[in-house]
Amino acid sequence: MESITVYPKNEKQKSLLKSLLEEMKVRFEIASLKDDTSLSEKDFFAKIDKSISQAANGETKKLSKVQQKEFLGL
């Protein structure tokens, strides 16, 4: 069976989802999220801005079709 990961925005949403799942008798677990790969909104937009300026300055890299497939694991 597949699993679904849900990220409620606040405590109220979390409580409502928990109540709904309990009412539906759906097995679930609550885990704290400690993911270092997540960026803050400020860091996310800073990274996008940096990428846009790199593209504007011609600091890009073109990959051949073979390299693209290799990179994507195809």
PDB file of N, CA and C in Angstrom:
ATOM      1  N   MET A   1       0.836  -1.174   0.000  1.00  0.00           N
ATOM      2  CA  MET A   1       0.000   0.000   0.000  1.00  0.00           C
ATOM      3  C   MET A   1       0.881   1.237   0.000  1.00  0.00           C
ATOM      4  N   GLU A   2       0.463   2.280  -0.686  1.00  0.00           N
ATOM      5  CA  GLU A   2       1.199   3.538  -0.738  1.00  0.00           C
ATOM      6  C   GLU A   2       0.929   4.363   0.515  1.00  0.00           C
ATOM      7  N   SER A   3       1.824   5.265   0.808  1.00  0.00           N
ATOM      8  CA  SER A   3       1.620   6.167   1.939  1.00  0.00           C
ATOM      9  C   SER A   3       1.467   7.594   1.428  1.00  0.00           C
ATOM     10  N   ILE A   4       0.903   8.435   2.248  1.00  0.00           N
ATOM     11  CA  ILE A   4       0.687   9.836   1.918  1.00  0.00           C
ATOM     12  C   ILE A   4       1.351  10.668   2.998  1.00  0.00           C
ATOM     13  N   THR A   5       2.150  11.640   2.600  1.00  0.00           N
ATOM     14  CA  THR A   5       2.771  12.541   3.555  1.00  0.00           C
ATOM     15  C   THR A   5       2.051  13.878   3.474  1.00  0.00           C
ATOM     16  N   VAL A   6       1.617  14.379   4.618  1.00  0.00           N
ATOM     17  CA  VAL A   6       0.858  15.625   4.683  1.00  0.00           C
ATOM     18  C   VAL A   6       1.607  16.592   5.595  1.00  0.00           C
ATOM     19  N   TYR A   7       1.687  17.858   5.192  1.00  0.00           N
ATOM     20  CA  TYR A   7       2.369  18.875   5.981  1.00  0.00           C
ATOM     21  C   TYR A   7       1.372  19.979   6.369  1.00  0.00           C
ATOM     22  N   PRO A   8       0.714  19.839   7.507  1.00  0.00           N
ATOM     23  CA  PRO A   8      -0.228  20.888   7.932  1.00  0.00           C
ATOM     24  C   PRO A   8       0.526  22.185   8.232  1.00  0.00           C
ATOM     25  N   LYS A   9      -0.142  23.305   7.972  1.00  0.00           N
ATOM     26  CA  LYS A   9       0.484  24.614   8.161  1.00  0.00           C
ATOM     27  C   LYS A   9       0.501  25.067   9.612  1.00  0.00           C
ATOM     28  N   ASN A  10      -0.425  24.554  10.399  1.00  0.00           N
ATOM     29  CA  ASN A  10      -0.499  25.012  11.784  1.00  0.00           C
ATOM     30  C   ASN A  10      -1.101  23.905  12.666  1.00  0.00           C
ATOM     31  N   GLU A  11      -1.159  24.179  13.943  1.00  0.00           N
ATOM     32  CA  GLU A  11      -1.640  23.195  14.917  1.00  0.00           C
ATOM     33  C   GLU A  11      -3.112  22.848  14.683  1.00  0.00           C
ATOM     34  N   LYS A  12      -3.898  23.827  14.270  1.00  0.00           N
ATOM     35  CA  LYS A  12      -5.322  23.599  14.014  1.00  0.00           C
ATOM     36  C   LYS A  12      -5.524  22.583  12.883  1.00  0.00           C
ATOM     37  N   GLN A  13      -4.775  22.745  11.801  1.00  0.00           N
ATOM     38  CA  GLN A  13      -4.867  21.787  10.687  1.00  0.00           C
ATOM     39  C   GLN A  13      -4.423  20.400  11.130  1.00  0.00           C
ATOM     40  N   LYS A  14      -3.352  20.351  11.894  1.00  0.00           N
ATOM     41  CA  LYS A  14      -2.847  19.057  12.381  1.00  0.00           C
ATOM     42  C   LYS A  14      -3.902  18.357  13.225  1.00  0.00           C
ATOM     43  N   SER A  15      -4.540  19.103  14.117  1.00  0.00           N
ATOM     44  CA  SER A  15      -5.567  18.549  14.989  1.00  0.00           C
ATOM     45  C   SER A  15      -6.766  18.047  14.182  1.00  0.00           C
ATOM     46  N   LEU A  16      -7.191  18.824  13.214  1.00  0.00           N
ATOM     47  CA  LEU A  16      -8.320  18.437  12.379  1.00  0.00           C
ATOM     48  C   LEU A  16      -8.006  17.174  11.573  1.00  0.00           C
ATOM     49  N   LEU A  17      -6.823  17.110  10.986  1.00  0.00           N
ATOM     50  CA  LEU A  17      -6.425  15.916  10.221  1.00  0.00           C
ATOM     51  C   LEU A  17      -6.362  14.691  11.126  1.00  0.00           C
ATOM     52  N   LYS A  18      -5.803  14.870  12.304  1.00  0.00           N
ATOM     53  CA  LYS A  18      -5.697  13.761  13.253  1.00  0.00           C
ATOM     54  C   LYS A  18      -7.087  13.238  13.625  1.00  0.00           C
ATOM     55  N   SER A  19      -8.013  14.161  13.903  1.00  0.00           N
ATOM     56  CA  SER A  19      -9.390  13.762  14.250  1.00  0.00           C
ATOM     57  C   SER A  19     -10.067  13.035  13.095  1.00  0.00           C
ATOM     58  N   LEU A  20      -9.876  13.542  11.896  1.00  0.00           N
ATOM     59  CA  LEU A  20     -10.475  12.921  10.711  1.00  0.00           C
ATOM     60  C   LEU A  20      -9.948  11.503  10.504  1.00  0.00           C
ATOM     61  N   LEU A  21      -8.642  11.344  10.606  1.00  0.00           N
ATOM     62  CA  LEU A  21      -8.045  10.018  10.425  1.00  0.00           C
ATOM     63  C   LEU A  21      -8.498   9.042  11.506  1.00  0.00           C
ATOM     64  N   GLU A  22      -8.600   9.523  12.723  1.00  0.00           N
ATOM     65  CA  GLU A  22      -9.083   8.663  13.804  1.00  0.00           C
ATOM     66  C   GLU A  22     -10.530   8.247  13.548  1.00  0.00           C
ATOM     67  N   GLU A  23     -11.349   9.192  13.107  1.00  0.00           N
ATOM     68  CA  GLU A  23     -12.753   8.903  12.824  1.00  0.00           C
ATOM     69  C   GLU A  23     -12.893   7.881  11.696  1.00  0.00           C
ATOM     70  N   MET A  24     -12.012   7.975  10.702  1.00  0.00           N
ATOM     71  CA  MET A  24     -12.057   7.055   9.561  1.00  0.00           C
ATOM     72  C   MET A  24     -11.351   5.735   9.867  1.00  0.00           C
ATOM     73  N   LYS A  25     -10.773   5.634  11.065  1.00  0.00           N
ATOM     74  CA  LYS A  25     -10.022   4.447  11.477  1.00  0.00           C
ATOM     75  C   LYS A  25      -8.859   4.141  10.523  1.00  0.00           C
ATOM     76  N   VAL A  26      -8.179   5.206  10.122  1.00  0.00           N
ATOM     77  CA  VAL A  26      -6.997   5.093   9.263  1.00  0.00           C
ATOM     78  C   VAL A  26      -5.773   5.074  10.168  1.00  0.00           C
ATOM     79  N   ARG A  27      -4.906   4.106   9.946  1.00  0.00           N
ATOM     80  CA  ARG A  27      -3.676   4.012  10.743  1.00  0.00           C
ATOM     81  C   ARG A  27      -2.740   5.142  10.309  1.00  0.00           C
ATOM     82  N   PHE A  28      -2.174   5.861  11.270  1.00  0.00           N
ATOM     83  CA  PHE A  28      -1.259   6.952  10.940  1.00  0.00           C
ATOM     84  C   PHE A  28      -0.250   7.126  12.052  1.00  0.00           C
ATOM     85  N   GLU A  29       0.790   7.864  11.758  1.00  0.00           N
ATOM     86  CA  GLU A  29       1.785   8.193  12.768  1.00  0.00           C
ATOM     87  C   GLU A  29       2.168   9.653  12.593  1.00  0.00           C
ATOM     88  N   ILE A  30       2.505  10.279  13.685  1.00  0.00           N
ATOM     89  CA  ILE A  30       2.919  11.676  13.667  1.00  0.00           C
ATOM     90  C   ILE A  30       4.405  11.702  13.991  1.00  0.00           C
ATOM     91  N   ALA A  31       5.170  12.314  13.108  1.00  0.00           N
ATOM     92  CA  ALA A  31       6.615  12.404  13.295  1.00  0.00           C
ATOM     93  C   ALA A  31       7.033  13.853  13.139  1.00  0.00           C
ATOM     94  N   SER A  32       8.045  14.233  13.902  1.00  0.00           N
ATOM     95  CA  SER A  32       8.542  15.598  13.748  1.00  0.00           C
ATOM     96  C   SER A  32       9.420  15.647  12.505  1.00  0.00           C
ATOM     97  N   LEU A  33       9.378  16.770  11.834  1.00  0.00           N
ATOM     98  CA  LEU A  33      10.120  16.947  10.590  1.00  0.00           C
ATOM     99  C   LEU A  33      11.426  17.661  10.888  1.00  0.00           C
ATOM    100  N   LYS A  34      12.513  16.947  10.722  1.00  0.00           N
ATOM    101  CA  LYS A  34      13.835  17.545  10.884  1.00  0.00           C
ATOM    102  C   LYS A  34      14.603  17.270   9.607  1.00  0.00           C
ATOM    103  N   ASP A  35      14.255  18.020   8.580  1.00  0.00           N
ATOM    104  CA  ASP A  35      14.856  17.818   7.263  1.00  0.00           C
ATOM    105  C   ASP A  35      15.777  18.987   6.954  1.00  0.00           C
ATOM    106  N   ASP A  36      17.071  18.735   6.943  1.00  0.00           N
ATOM    107  CA  ASP A  36      18.046  19.791   6.670  1.00  0.00           C
ATOM    108  C   ASP A  36      18.016  20.249   5.221  1.00  0.00           C
ATOM    109  N   THR A  37      17.334  19.502   4.340  1.00  0.00           N
ATOM    110  CA  THR A  37      17.284  19.897   2.947  1.00  0.00           C
ATOM    111  C   THR A  37      16.241  20.975   2.692  1.00  0.00           C
ATOM    112  N   SER A  38      15.362  21.222   3.657  1.00  0.00           N
ATOM    113  CA  SER A  38      14.354  22.257   3.496  1.00  0.00           C
ATOM    114  C   SER A  38      14.989  23.634   3.610  1.00  0.00           C
ATOM    115  N   LEU A  39      14.543  24.554   2.752  1.00  0.00           N
ATOM    116  CA  LEU A  39      15.032  25.919   2.785  1.00  0.00           C
ATOM    117  C   LEU A  39      13.964  26.830   3.361  1.00  0.00           C
ATOM    118  N   SER A  40      14.401  27.877   4.028  1.00  0.00           N
ATOM    119  CA  SER A  40      13.441  28.882   4.459  1.00  0.00           C
ATOM    120  C   SER A  40      12.973  29.628   3.202  1.00  0.00           C
ATOM    121  N   GLU A  41      11.878  30.331   3.320  1.00  0.00           N
ATOM    122  CA  GLU A  41      11.360  31.069   2.161  1.00  0.00           C
ATOM    123  C   GLU A  41      12.394  32.083   1.676  1.00  0.00           C
ATOM    124  N   LYS A  42      13.066  32.754   2.610  1.00  0.00           N
ATOM    125  CA  LYS A  42      14.089  33.746   2.257  1.00  0.00           C
ATOM    126  C   LYS A  42      15.238  33.085   1.485  1.00  0.00           C
ATOM    127  N   ASP A  43      15.731  31.948   1.981  1.00  0.00           N
ATOM    128  CA  ASP A  43      16.827  31.238   1.316  1.00  0.00           C
ATOM    129  C   ASP A  43      16.399  30.721  -0.058  1.00  0.00           C
ATOM    130  N   PHE A  44      15.160  30.252  -0.153  1.00  0.00           N
ATOM    131  CA  PHE A  44      14.642  29.752  -1.423  1.00  0.00           C
ATOM    132  C   PHE A  44      14.662  30.847  -2.475  1.00  0.00           C
ATOM    133  N   PHE A  45      14.128  32.018  -2.147  1.00  0.00           N
ATOM    134  CA  PHE A  45      14.086  33.110  -3.114  1.00  0.00           C
ATOM    135  C   PHE A  45      15.478  33.646  -3.422  1.00  0.00           C
ATOM    136  N   ALA A  46      16.379  33.624  -2.443  1.00  0.00           N
ATOM    137  CA  ALA A  46      17.757  34.050  -2.682  1.00  0.00           C
ATOM    138  C   ALA A  46      18.429  33.117  -3.684  1.00  0.00           C
ATOM    139  N   LYS A  47      18.157  31.826  -3.566  1.00  0.00           N
ATOM    140  CA  LYS A  47      18.739  30.846  -4.493  1.00  0.00           C
ATOM    141  C   LYS A  47      18.184  31.035  -5.904  1.00  0.00           C
ATOM    142  N   ILE A  48      16.890  31.319  -6.013  1.00  0.00           N
ATOM    143  CA  ILE A  48      16.271  31.578  -7.318  1.00  0.00           C
ATOM    144  C   ILE A  48      16.876  32.829  -7.938  1.00  0.00           C
ATOM    145  N   ASP A  49      17.004  33.901  -7.137  1.00  0.00           N
ATOM    146  CA  ASP A  49      17.586  35.153  -7.646  1.00  0.00           C
ATOM    147  C   ASP A  49      19.020  34.939  -8.128  1.00  0.00           C
ATOM    148  N   LYS A  50      19.791  34.143  -7.405  1.00  0.00           N
ATOM    149  CA  LYS A  50      21.171  33.855  -7.801  1.00  0.00           C
ATOM    150  C   LYS A  50      21.190  33.120  -9.139  1.00  0.00           C
ATOM    151  N   SER A  51      20.299  32.150  -9.299  1.00  0.00           N
ATOM    152  CA  SER A  51      20.229  31.390 -10.549  1.00  0.00           C
ATOM    153  C   SER A  51      19.836  32.286 -11.718  1.00  0.00           C
ATOM    154  N   ILE A  52      18.904  33.200 -11.492  1.00  0.00           N
ATOM    155  CA  ILE A  52      18.482  34.125 -12.551  1.00  0.00           C
ATOM    156  C   ILE A  52      19.649  35.017 -12.964  1.00  0.00           C
ATOM    157  N   SER A  53      20.398  35.526 -11.981  1.00  0.00           N
ATOM    158  CA  SER A  53      21.538  36.391 -12.321  1.00  0.00           C
ATOM    159  C   SER A  53      22.635  35.597 -13.024  1.00  0.00           C
ATOM    160  N   GLN A  54      22.850  34.340 -12.651  1.00  0.00           N
ATOM    161  CA  GLN A  54      23.841  33.509 -13.347  1.00  0.00           C
ATOM    162  C   GLN A  54      23.434  33.306 -14.796  1.00  0.00           C
ATOM    163  N   ALA A  55      22.156  33.055 -15.031  1.00  0.00           N
ATOM    164  CA  ALA A  55      21.678  32.866 -16.400  1.00  0.00           C
ATOM    165  C   ALA A  55      21.824  34.151 -17.200  1.00  0.00           C
ATOM    166  N   ALA A  56      21.519  35.297 -16.583  1.00  0.00           N
ATOM    167  CA  ALA A  56      21.637  36.589 -17.264  1.00  0.00           C
ATOM    168  C   ALA A  56      23.088  36.903 -17.612  1.00  0.00           C
ATOM    169  N   ASN A  57      24.031  36.442 -16.791  1.00  0.00           N
ATOM    170  CA  ASN A  57      25.460  36.679 -17.027  1.00  0.00           C
ATOM    171  C   ASN A  57      26.085  35.613 -17.919  1.00  0.00           C
ATOM    172  N   GLY A  58      25.283  34.687 -18.408  1.00  0.00           N
ATOM    173  CA  GLY A  58      25.796  33.631 -19.285  1.00  0.00           C
ATOM    174  C   GLY A  58      26.580  32.558 -18.560  1.00  0.00           C
ATOM    175  N   GLU A  59      26.402  32.433 -17.272  1.00  0.00           N
ATOM    176  CA  GLU A  59      27.123  31.435 -16.479  1.00  0.00           C
ATOM    177  C   GLU A  59      26.323  30.137 -16.418  1.00  0.00           C
ATOM    178  N   THR A  60      25.954  29.632 -17.576  1.00  0.00           N
ATOM    179  CA  THR A  60      25.171  28.407 -17.634  1.00  0.00           C
ATOM    180  C   THR A  60      25.981  27.301 -18.283  1.00  0.00           C
ATOM    181  N   LYS A  61      25.484  26.109 -18.167  1.00  0.00           N
ATOM    182  CA  LYS A  61      26.167  24.941 -18.709  1.00  0.00           C
ATOM    183  C   LYS A  61      25.155  24.167 -19.548  1.00  0.00           C
ATOM    184  N   LYS A  62      25.524  23.812 -20.769  1.00  0.00           N
ATOM    185  CA  LYS A  62      24.629  23.037 -21.617  1.00  0.00           C
ATOM    186  C   LYS A  62      25.063  21.580 -21.589  1.00  0.00           C
ATOM    187  N   LEU A  63      24.081  20.710 -21.445  1.00  0.00           N
ATOM    188  CA  LEU A  63      24.354  19.274 -21.418  1.00  0.00           C
ATOM    189  C   LEU A  63      23.880  18.647 -22.716  1.00  0.00           C
ATOM    190  N   SER A  64      24.657  17.680 -23.201  1.00  0.00           N
ATOM    191  CA  SER A  64      24.242  16.938 -24.389  1.00  0.00           C
ATOM    192  C   SER A  64      23.069  16.035 -24.009  1.00  0.00           C
ATOM    193  N   LYS A  65      22.395  15.502 -25.023  1.00  0.00           N
ATOM    194  CA  LYS A  65      21.271  14.589 -24.764  1.00  0.00           C
ATOM    195  C   LYS A  65      21.726  13.406 -23.913  1.00  0.00           C
ATOM    196  N   VAL A  66      22.902  12.882 -24.216  1.00  0.00           N
ATOM    197  CA  VAL A  66      23.430  11.740 -23.458  1.00  0.00           C
ATOM    198  C   VAL A  66      23.662  12.128 -22.005  1.00  0.00           C
ATOM    199  N   GLN A  67      24.250  13.319 -21.772  1.00  0.00           N
ATOM    200  CA  GLN A  67      24.507  13.774 -20.415  1.00  0.00           C
ATOM    201  C   GLN A  67      23.184  14.026 -19.669  1.00  0.00           C
ATOM    202  N   GLN A  68      22.183  14.550 -20.381  1.00  0.00           N
ATOM    203  CA  GLN A  68      20.877  14.799 -19.767  1.00  0.00           C
ATOM    204  C   GLN A  68      20.268  13.481 -19.305  1.00  0.00           C
ATOM    205  N   LYS A  69      20.291  12.459 -20.157  1.00  0.00           N
ATOM    206  CA  LYS A  69      19.717  11.153 -19.803  1.00  0.00           C
ATOM    207  C   LYS A  69      20.486  10.543 -18.641  1.00  0.00           C
ATOM    208  N   GLU A  70      21.809  10.689 -18.667  1.00  0.00           N
ATOM    209  CA  GLU A  70      22.646  10.154 -17.602  1.00  0.00           C
ATOM    210  C   GLU A  70      22.314  10.845 -16.272  1.00  0.00           C
ATOM    211  N   PHE A  71      22.180  12.171 -16.324  1.00  0.00           N
ATOM    212  CA  PHE A  71      21.873  12.954 -15.136  1.00  0.00           C
ATOM    213  C   PHE A  71      20.516  12.581 -14.557  1.00  0.00           C
ATOM    214  N   LEU A  72      19.548  12.335 -15.427  1.00  0.00           N
ATOM    215  CA  LEU A  72      18.197  11.987 -14.986  1.00  0.00           C
ATOM    216  C   LEU A  72      18.023  10.498 -14.695  1.00  0.00           C
ATOM    217  N   GLY A  73      19.062   9.713 -14.977  1.00  0.00           N
ATOM    218  CA  GLY A  73      18.994   8.285 -14.713  1.00  0.00           C
ATOM    219  C   GLY A  73      18.100   7.547 -15.687  1.00  0.00           C
ATOM    220  N   LEU A  74      18.022   8.037 -16.916  1.00  0.00           N
ATOM    221  CA  LEU A  74      17.166   7.387 -17.923  1.00  0.00           C
ATOM    222  C   LEU A  74      17.967   6.463 -18.809  1.00  0.00           C
TER     223      LEU A  74
END
